Amino acid sequence: MSEADFVAVQRIHTAPVPVDGTVRRYALSGLVFCGICGRALDAHWMHGRAGYRCRHGRNSAQSVDRGRPRILYCREDQLIQALQSNPALVRAYPRLRQGRPRAVGEELRRHGMILVGDHDGRIVETDTASIALTAAHLPAALQAEIPAQKGGD
Protein backbone atom coordinates (compact mmCIF):
# COMPACT_ATOMS: atom_id res chain seq x y z
CA MET A 1 0.00 0.00 0.00
CA SER A 2 1.34 3.41 -0.92
CA GLU A 3 1.46 6.38 1.46
CA ALA A 4 -1.26 8.10 -0.60
CA ASP A 5 -3.52 5.04 -0.20
CA PHE A 6 -2.83 4.98 3.54
CA VAL A 7 -3.74 8.68 3.90
CA ALA A 8 -6.91 8.17 1.83
CA VAL A 9 -8.00 5.27 4.06
CA GLN A 10 -7.32 7.34 7.19
CA ARG A 11 -9.69 10.04 5.90
CA ILE A 12 -12.61 7.63 5.64
CA HIS A 13 -15.20 8.52 8.24
CA THR A 14 -17.41 5.59 9.24
CA ALA A 15 -19.74 7.37 11.64
CA PRO A 16 -23.41 7.05 10.74
CA VAL A 17 -24.74 9.90 8.62
CA PRO A 18 -28.21 11.23 9.48
CA VAL A 19 -30.96 10.86 6.87
CA ASP A 20 -30.96 14.61 6.21
CA GLY A 21 -27.18 14.49 5.52
CA THR A 22 -26.24 17.12 8.11
CA VAL A 23 -22.96 16.78 9.95
CA ARG A 24 -23.41 16.62 13.69
CA ARG A 25 -20.79 18.27 15.93
CA TYR A 26 -20.19 17.32 19.56
CA ALA A 27 -17.94 19.79 21.38
CA LEU A 28 -17.54 17.70 24.54
CA SER A 29 -17.13 14.27 22.97
CA GLY A 30 -14.70 12.18 25.02
CA LEU A 31 -14.84 14.63 27.95
CA VAL A 32 -18.07 13.53 29.66
CA PHE A 33 -17.97 10.46 31.93
CA CYS A 34 -20.54 8.52 33.90
CA GLY A 35 -20.14 8.78 37.66
CA ILE A 36 -22.08 5.52 38.05
CA CYS A 37 -20.12 3.12 35.84
CA GLY A 38 -17.04 5.15 34.82
CA ARG A 39 -17.63 4.89 31.07
CA ALA A 40 -17.37 7.81 28.65
CA LEU A 41 -20.84 8.98 27.64
CA ASP A 42 -21.84 8.38 24.02
CA ALA A 43 -22.40 11.51 21.96
CA HIS A 44 -25.76 11.42 20.20
CA TRP A 45 -28.37 13.76 18.76
CA MET A 46 -31.51 14.10 20.83
CA HIS A 47 -34.47 16.35 20.16
CA GLY A 48 -32.52 18.42 17.63
CA ARG A 49 -29.53 19.04 19.94
CA ALA A 50 -26.16 17.58 20.82
CA GLY A 51 -26.29 15.39 23.90
CA TYR A 52 -24.61 12.55 25.72
CA ARG A 53 -25.85 9.33 27.27
CA CYS A 54 -24.62 6.33 29.22
CA ARG A 55 -26.53 3.10 29.06
CA HIS A 56 -24.18 1.45 31.60
CA GLY A 57 -23.18 -1.38 29.28
CA ARG A 58 -26.67 -2.14 28.00
CA ASN A 59 -27.07 -3.43 24.48
CA SER A 60 -29.77 -5.10 22.42
CA ALA A 61 -28.31 -8.57 23.00
CA GLN A 62 -28.91 -8.41 26.75
CA SER A 63 -32.20 -8.66 28.56
CA VAL A 64 -33.16 -5.75 30.77
CA ASP A 65 -31.72 -6.08 34.27
CA ARG A 66 -34.06 -4.46 36.80
CA GLY A 67 -31.14 -3.71 39.15
CA ARG A 68 -29.20 -1.70 36.58
CA PRO A 69 -29.25 2.12 36.94
CA ARG A 70 -31.41 4.28 34.70
CA ILE A 71 -29.86 5.54 31.47
CA LEU A 72 -28.05 8.84 32.06
CA TYR A 73 -28.78 11.68 29.63
CA CYS A 74 -27.30 15.20 29.47
CA ARG A 75 -27.65 17.94 26.92
CA GLU A 76 -24.48 19.58 25.68
CA ASP A 77 -25.92 23.11 25.90
CA GLN A 78 -26.82 22.56 29.56
CA LEU A 79 -23.35 21.20 30.36
CA ILE A 80 -21.74 24.22 28.70
CA GLN A 81 -24.05 26.60 30.54
CA ALA A 82 -23.13 24.95 33.85
CA LEU A 83 -19.42 25.31 33.03
CA GLN A 84 -19.77 28.95 31.99
CA SER A 85 -21.86 29.94 34.99
CA ASN A 86 -19.54 28.41 37.60
CA PRO A 87 -17.61 31.30 39.20
CA ALA A 88 -14.71 29.15 40.40
CA LEU A 89 -14.16 27.65 36.96
CA VAL A 90 -14.37 30.85 34.93
CA ARG A 91 -12.11 32.62 37.39
CA ALA A 92 -9.46 29.92 37.02
CA TYR A 93 -10.09 29.32 33.30
CA PRO A 94 -11.44 32.58 31.76
CA ARG A 95 -11.55 31.11 28.24
CA LEU A 96 -14.48 28.95 29.34
CA ARG A 97 -16.64 32.09 29.10
CA GLN A 98 -16.44 31.96 25.33
CA GLY A 99 -19.89 31.23 23.98
CA ARG A 100 -18.91 28.74 21.30
CA PRO A 101 -19.28 25.11 22.40
CA ARG A 102 -16.21 24.06 20.43
CA ALA A 103 -14.05 26.66 22.26
CA VAL A 104 -15.29 25.35 25.61
CA GLY A 105 -14.40 21.78 24.63
CA GLU A 106 -10.96 22.87 23.46
CA GLU A 107 -10.32 24.67 26.75
CA LEU A 108 -11.28 21.57 28.75
CA ARG A 109 -8.95 19.45 26.63
CA ARG A 110 -6.13 21.99 26.92
CA HIS A 111 -6.22 21.71 30.71
CA GLY A 112 -6.89 17.97 30.94
CA MET A 113 -10.34 18.44 32.48
CA ILE A 114 -13.27 16.03 32.28
CA LEU A 115 -16.90 16.22 33.37
CA VAL A 116 -18.20 13.43 35.60
CA GLY A 117 -21.83 13.10 36.50
CA ASP A 118 -24.81 11.03 37.47
CA HIS A 119 -28.52 11.73 37.94
CA ASP A 120 -27.85 13.90 41.01
CA GLY A 121 -25.01 16.19 39.96
CA ARG A 122 -21.91 16.91 37.94
CA ILE A 123 -18.32 17.80 38.69
CA VAL A 124 -15.30 18.89 36.69
CA GLU A 125 -12.20 16.83 37.46
CA THR A 126 -8.64 17.93 36.90
CA ASP A 127 -5.48 16.13 37.96
CA THR A 128 -5.52 18.06 41.23
CA ALA A 129 -9.12 19.10 41.97
CA SER A 130 -12.83 18.35 41.68
CA ILE A 131 -15.19 21.29 41.22
CA ALA A 132 -18.94 20.80 41.73
CA LEU A 133 -21.11 22.12 38.90
CA THR A 134 -24.63 21.42 40.05
CA ALA A 135 -25.01 20.13 43.58
CA ALA A 136 -23.46 21.29 46.83
CA HIS A 137 -23.42 17.75 48.21
CA LEU A 138 -22.45 15.11 45.69
CA PRO A 139 -22.83 11.34 46.02
CA ALA A 140 -19.76 9.26 46.73
CA ALA A 141 -19.92 7.81 43.20
CA LEU A 142 -18.95 11.20 41.83
CA GLN A 143 -15.94 11.45 44.09
CA ALA A 144 -14.32 8.33 42.59
CA GLU A 145 -11.52 8.77 40.09
CA ILE A 146 -12.45 7.73 36.59
CA PRO A 147 -9.98 5.23 35.04
CA ALA A 148 -9.60 7.34 31.89
CA GLN A 149 -8.54 10.31 34.01
CA LYS A 150 -5.93 8.31 35.92
CA GLY A 151 -4.41 6.17 33.19
CA GLY A 152 -5.04 8.22 30.09
CA ASP A 153 -6.98 5.36 28.47
C-alpha atoms as a PDB file:
ATOM      1  CA  MET A   1       0.000   0.000   0.000  1.00  0.00           C
ATOM      2  CA  SER A   2       1.336   3.410  -0.921  1.00  0.00           C
ATOM      3  CA  GLU A   3       1.458   6.375   1.456  1.00  0.00           C
ATOM      4  CA  ALA A   4      -1.265   8.105  -0.604  1.00  0.00           C
ATOM      5  CA  ASP A   5      -3.519   5.044  -0.202  1.00  0.00           C
ATOM      6  CA  PHE A   6      -2.831   4.981   3.539  1.00  0.00           C
ATOM      7  CA  VAL A   7      -3.739   8.680   3.899  1.00  0.00           C
ATOM      8  CA  ALA A   8      -6.906   8.172   1.830  1.00  0.00           C
ATOM      9  CA  VAL A   9      -8.001   5.270   4.062  1.00  0.00           C
ATOM     10  CA  GLN A  10      -7.324   7.338   7.187  1.00  0.00           C
ATOM     11  CA  ARG A  11      -9.685  10.039   5.902  1.00  0.00           C
ATOM     12  CA  ILE A  12     -12.615   7.632   5.637  1.00  0.00           C
ATOM     13  CA  HIS A  13     -15.202   8.516   8.240  1.00  0.00           C
ATOM     14  CA  THR A  14     -17.405   5.587   9.241  1.00  0.00           C
ATOM     15  CA  ALA A  15     -19.741   7.367  11.645  1.00  0.00           C
ATOM     16  CA  PRO A  16     -23.409   7.054  10.739  1.00  0.00           C
ATOM     17  CA  VAL A  17     -24.740   9.896   8.618  1.00  0.00           C
ATOM     18  CA  PRO A  18     -28.213  11.225   9.482  1.00  0.00           C
ATOM     19  CA  VAL A  19     -30.957  10.856   6.869  1.00  0.00           C
ATOM     20  CA  ASP A  20     -30.955  14.612   6.214  1.00  0.00           C
ATOM     21  CA  GLY A  21     -27.180  14.491   5.520  1.00  0.00           C
ATOM     22  CA  THR A  22     -26.235  17.122   8.114  1.00  0.00           C
ATOM     23  CA  VAL A  23     -22.955  16.778   9.951  1.00  0.00           C
ATOM     24  CA  ARG A  24     -23.411  16.617  13.694  1.00  0.00           C
ATOM     25  CA  ARG A  25     -20.791  18.270  15.927  1.00  0.00           C
ATOM     26  CA  TYR A  26     -20.186  17.321  19.555  1.00  0.00           C
ATOM     27  CA  ALA A  27     -17.943  19.786  21.379  1.00  0.00           C
ATOM     28  CA  LEU A  28     -17.543  17.705  24.541  1.00  0.00           C
ATOM     29  CA  SER A  29     -17.127  14.275  22.970  1.00  0.00           C
ATOM     30  CA  GLY A  30     -14.705  12.179  25.024  1.00  0.00           C
ATOM     31  CA  LEU A  31     -14.844  14.627  27.949  1.00  0.00           C
ATOM     32  CA  VAL A  32     -18.074  13.528  29.660  1.00  0.00           C
ATOM     33  CA  PHE A  33     -17.973  10.459  31.932  1.00  0.00           C
ATOM     34  CA  CYS A  34     -20.541   8.518  33.902  1.00  0.00           C
ATOM     35  CA  GLY A  35     -20.144   8.779  37.661  1.00  0.00           C
ATOM     36  CA  ILE A  36     -22.082   5.517  38.052  1.00  0.00           C
ATOM     37  CA  CYS A  37     -20.118   3.122  35.836  1.00  0.00           C
ATOM     38  CA  GLY A  38     -17.043   5.154  34.817  1.00  0.00           C
ATOM     39  CA  ARG A  39     -17.629   4.892  31.070  1.00  0.00           C
ATOM     40  CA  ALA A  40     -17.373   7.808  28.652  1.00  0.00           C
ATOM     41  CA  LEU A  41     -20.837   8.983  27.638  1.00  0.00           C
ATOM     42  CA  ASP A  42     -21.840   8.376  24.020  1.00  0.00           C
ATOM     43  CA  ALA A  43     -22.398  11.505  21.957  1.00  0.00           C
ATOM     44  CA  HIS A  44     -25.757  11.424  20.199  1.00  0.00           C
ATOM     45  CA  TRP A  45     -28.366  13.760  18.756  1.00  0.00           C
ATOM     46  CA  MET A  46     -31.513  14.095  20.833  1.00  0.00           C
ATOM     47  CA  HIS A  47     -34.474  16.348  20.156  1.00  0.00           C
ATOM     48  CA  GLY A  48     -32.516  18.418  17.634  1.00  0.00           C
ATOM     49  CA  ARG A  49     -29.531  19.035  19.943  1.00  0.00           C
ATOM     50  CA  ALA A  50     -26.162  17.575  20.821  1.00  0.00           C
ATOM     51  CA  GLY A  51     -26.288  15.393  23.897  1.00  0.00           C
ATOM     52  CA  TYR A  52     -24.608  12.550  25.718  1.00  0.00           C
ATOM     53  CA  ARG A  53     -25.849   9.325  27.272  1.00  0.00           C
ATOM     54  CA  CYS A  54     -24.620   6.333  29.223  1.00  0.00           C
ATOM     55  CA  ARG A  55     -26.535   3.102  29.064  1.00  0.00           C
ATOM     56  CA  HIS A  56     -24.179   1.455  31.602  1.00  0.00           C
ATOM     57  CA  GLY A  57     -23.176  -1.376  29.283  1.00  0.00           C
ATOM     58  CA  ARG A  58     -26.668  -2.142  28.001  1.00  0.00           C
ATOM     59  CA  ASN A  59     -27.073  -3.429  24.478  1.00  0.00           C
ATOM     60  CA  SER A  60     -29.774  -5.100  22.424  1.00  0.00           C
ATOM     61  CA  ALA A  61     -28.311  -8.570  23.001  1.00  0.00           C
ATOM     62  CA  GLN A  62     -28.909  -8.409  26.749  1.00  0.00           C
ATOM     63  CA  SER A  63     -32.203  -8.665  28.560  1.00  0.00           C
ATOM     64  CA  VAL A  64     -33.158  -5.753  30.768  1.00  0.00           C
ATOM     65  CA  ASP A  65     -31.717  -6.077  34.269  1.00  0.00           C
ATOM     66  CA  ARG A  66     -34.057  -4.460  36.798  1.00  0.00           C
ATOM     67  CA  GLY A  67     -31.136  -3.708  39.148  1.00  0.00           C
ATOM     68  CA  ARG A  68     -29.204  -1.701  36.582  1.00  0.00           C
ATOM     69  CA  PRO A  69     -29.251   2.119  36.945  1.00  0.00           C
ATOM     70  CA  ARG A  70     -31.413   4.280  34.697  1.00  0.00           C
ATOM     71  CA  ILE A  71     -29.858   5.544  31.471  1.00  0.00           C
ATOM     72  CA  LEU A  72     -28.052   8.843  32.061  1.00  0.00           C
ATOM     73  CA  TYR A  73     -28.776  11.676  29.626  1.00  0.00           C
ATOM     74  CA  CYS A  74     -27.304  15.199  29.471  1.00  0.00           C
ATOM     75  CA  ARG A  75     -27.654  17.941  26.918  1.00  0.00           C
ATOM     76  CA  GLU A  76     -24.481  19.584  25.678  1.00  0.00           C
ATOM     77  CA  ASP A  77     -25.919  23.106  25.902  1.00  0.00           C
ATOM     78  CA  GLN A  78     -26.818  22.563  29.562  1.00  0.00           C
ATOM     79  CA  LEU A  79     -23.352  21.203  30.363  1.00  0.00           C
ATOM     80  CA  ILE A  80     -21.739  24.217  28.699  1.00  0.00           C
ATOM     81  CA  GLN A  81     -24.055  26.604  30.536  1.00  0.00           C
ATOM     82  CA  ALA A  82     -23.127  24.952  33.853  1.00  0.00           C
ATOM     83  CA  LEU A  83     -19.417  25.314  33.030  1.00  0.00           C
ATOM     84  CA  GLN A  84     -19.767  28.952  31.992  1.00  0.00           C
ATOM     85  CA  SER A  85     -21.860  29.940  34.994  1.00  0.00           C
ATOM     86  CA  ASN A  86     -19.542  28.413  37.599  1.00  0.00           C
ATOM     87  CA  PRO A  87     -17.611  31.303  39.205  1.00  0.00           C
ATOM     88  CA  ALA A  88     -14.709  29.150  40.404  1.00  0.00           C
ATOM     89  CA  LEU A  89     -14.160  27.649  36.956  1.00  0.00           C
ATOM     90  CA  VAL A  90     -14.374  30.847  34.929  1.00  0.00           C
ATOM     91  CA  ARG A  91     -12.107  32.624  37.391  1.00  0.00           C
ATOM     92  CA  ALA A  92      -9.459  29.919  37.023  1.00  0.00           C
ATOM     93  CA  TYR A  93     -10.094  29.324  33.296  1.00  0.00           C
ATOM     94  CA  PRO A  94     -11.441  32.581  31.763  1.00  0.00           C
ATOM     95  CA  ARG A  95     -11.551  31.112  28.242  1.00  0.00           C
ATOM     96  CA  LEU A  96     -14.481  28.949  29.335  1.00  0.00           C
ATOM     97  CA  ARG A  97     -16.640  32.086  29.102  1.00  0.00           C
ATOM     98  CA  GLN A  98     -16.436  31.960  25.325  1.00  0.00           C
ATOM     99  CA  GLY A  99     -19.889  31.226  23.980  1.00  0.00           C
ATOM    100  CA  ARG A 100     -18.908  28.740  21.297  1.00  0.00           C
ATOM    101  CA  PRO A 101     -19.282  25.106  22.398  1.00  0.00           C
ATOM    102  CA  ARG A 102     -16.207  24.063  20.431  1.00  0.00           C
ATOM    103  CA  ALA A 103     -14.048  26.657  22.258  1.00  0.00           C
ATOM    104  CA  VAL A 104     -15.287  25.354  25.612  1.00  0.00           C
ATOM    105  CA  GLY A 105     -14.400  21.776  24.635  1.00  0.00           C
ATOM    106  CA  GLU A 106     -10.955  22.865  23.456  1.00  0.00           C
ATOM    107  CA  GLU A 107     -10.317  24.671  26.749  1.00  0.00           C
ATOM    108  CA  LEU A 108     -11.276  21.573  28.748  1.00  0.00           C
ATOM    109  CA  ARG A 109      -8.945  19.446  26.629  1.00  0.00           C
ATOM    110  CA  ARG A 110      -6.125  21.994  26.917  1.00  0.00           C
ATOM    111  CA  HIS A 111      -6.219  21.715  30.708  1.00  0.00           C
ATOM    112  CA  GLY A 112      -6.891  17.970  30.944  1.00  0.00           C
ATOM    113  CA  MET A 113     -10.341  18.439  32.483  1.00  0.00           C
ATOM    114  CA  ILE A 114     -13.270  16.028  32.279  1.00  0.00           C
ATOM    115  CA  LEU A 115     -16.896  16.218  33.371  1.00  0.00           C
ATOM    116  CA  VAL A 116     -18.195  13.433  35.599  1.00  0.00           C
ATOM    117  CA  GLY A 117     -21.833  13.102  36.503  1.00  0.00           C
ATOM    118  CA  ASP A 118     -24.813  11.033  37.466  1.00  0.00           C
ATOM    119  CA  HIS A 119     -28.520  11.734  37.941  1.00  0.00           C
ATOM    120  CA  ASP A 120     -27.851  13.900  41.009  1.00  0.00           C
ATOM    121  CA  GLY A 121     -25.009  16.191  39.962  1.00  0.00           C
ATOM    122  CA  ARG A 122     -21.910  16.906  37.938  1.00  0.00           C
ATOM    123  CA  ILE A 123     -18.322  17.802  38.693  1.00  0.00           C
ATOM    124  CA  VAL A 124     -15.296  18.890  36.692  1.00  0.00           C
ATOM    125  CA  GLU A 125     -12.205  16.831  37.458  1.00  0.00           C
ATOM    126  CA  THR A 126      -8.641  17.928  36.896  1.00  0.00           C
ATOM    127  CA  ASP A 127      -5.480  16.133  37.956  1.00  0.00           C
ATOM    128  CA  THR A 128      -5.520  18.056  41.230  1.00  0.00           C
ATOM    129  CA  ALA A 129      -9.119  19.102  41.969  1.00  0.00           C
ATOM    130  CA  SER A 130     -12.829  18.352  41.678  1.00  0.00           C
ATOM    131  CA  ILE A 131     -15.194  21.291  41.221  1.00  0.00           C
ATOM    132  CA  ALA A 132     -18.944  20.800  41.729  1.00  0.00           C
ATOM    133  CA  LEU A 133     -21.107  22.116  38.903  1.00  0.00           C
ATOM    134  CA  THR A 134     -24.634  21.416  40.053  1.00  0.00           C
ATOM    135  CA  ALA A 135     -25.013  20.132  43.576  1.00  0.00           C
ATOM    136  CA  ALA A 136     -23.459  21.288  46.835  1.00  0.00           C
ATOM    137  CA  HIS A 137     -23.422  17.751  48.213  1.00  0.00           C
ATOM    138  CA  LEU A 138     -22.451  15.107  45.685  1.00  0.00           C
ATOM    139  CA  PRO A 139     -22.834  11.343  46.019  1.00  0.00           C
ATOM    140  CA  ALA A 140     -19.756   9.257  46.731  1.00  0.00           C
ATOM    141  CA  ALA A 141     -19.918   7.812  43.197  1.00  0.00           C
ATOM    142  CA  LEU A 142     -18.946  11.204  41.833  1.00  0.00           C
ATOM    143  CA  GLN A 143     -15.938  11.445  44.089  1.00  0.00           C
ATOM    144  CA  ALA A 144     -14.324   8.326  42.593  1.00  0.00           C
ATOM    145  CA  GLU A 145     -11.517   8.774  40.094  1.00  0.00           C
ATOM    146  CA  ILE A 146     -12.449   7.728  36.592  1.00  0.00           C
ATOM    147  CA  PRO A 147      -9.984   5.230  35.044  1.00  0.00           C
ATOM    148  CA  ALA A 148      -9.604   7.338  31.889  1.00  0.00           C
ATOM    149  CA  GLN A 149      -8.537  10.310  34.011  1.00  0.00           C
ATOM    150  CA  LYS A 150      -5.927   8.311  35.920  1.00  0.00           C
ATOM    151  CA  GLY A 151      -4.409   6.175  33.194  1.00  0.00           C
ATOM    152  CA  GLY A 152      -5.038   8.224  30.088  1.00  0.00           C
ATOM    153  CA  ASP A 153      -6.984   5.356  28.470  1.00  0.00           C
END
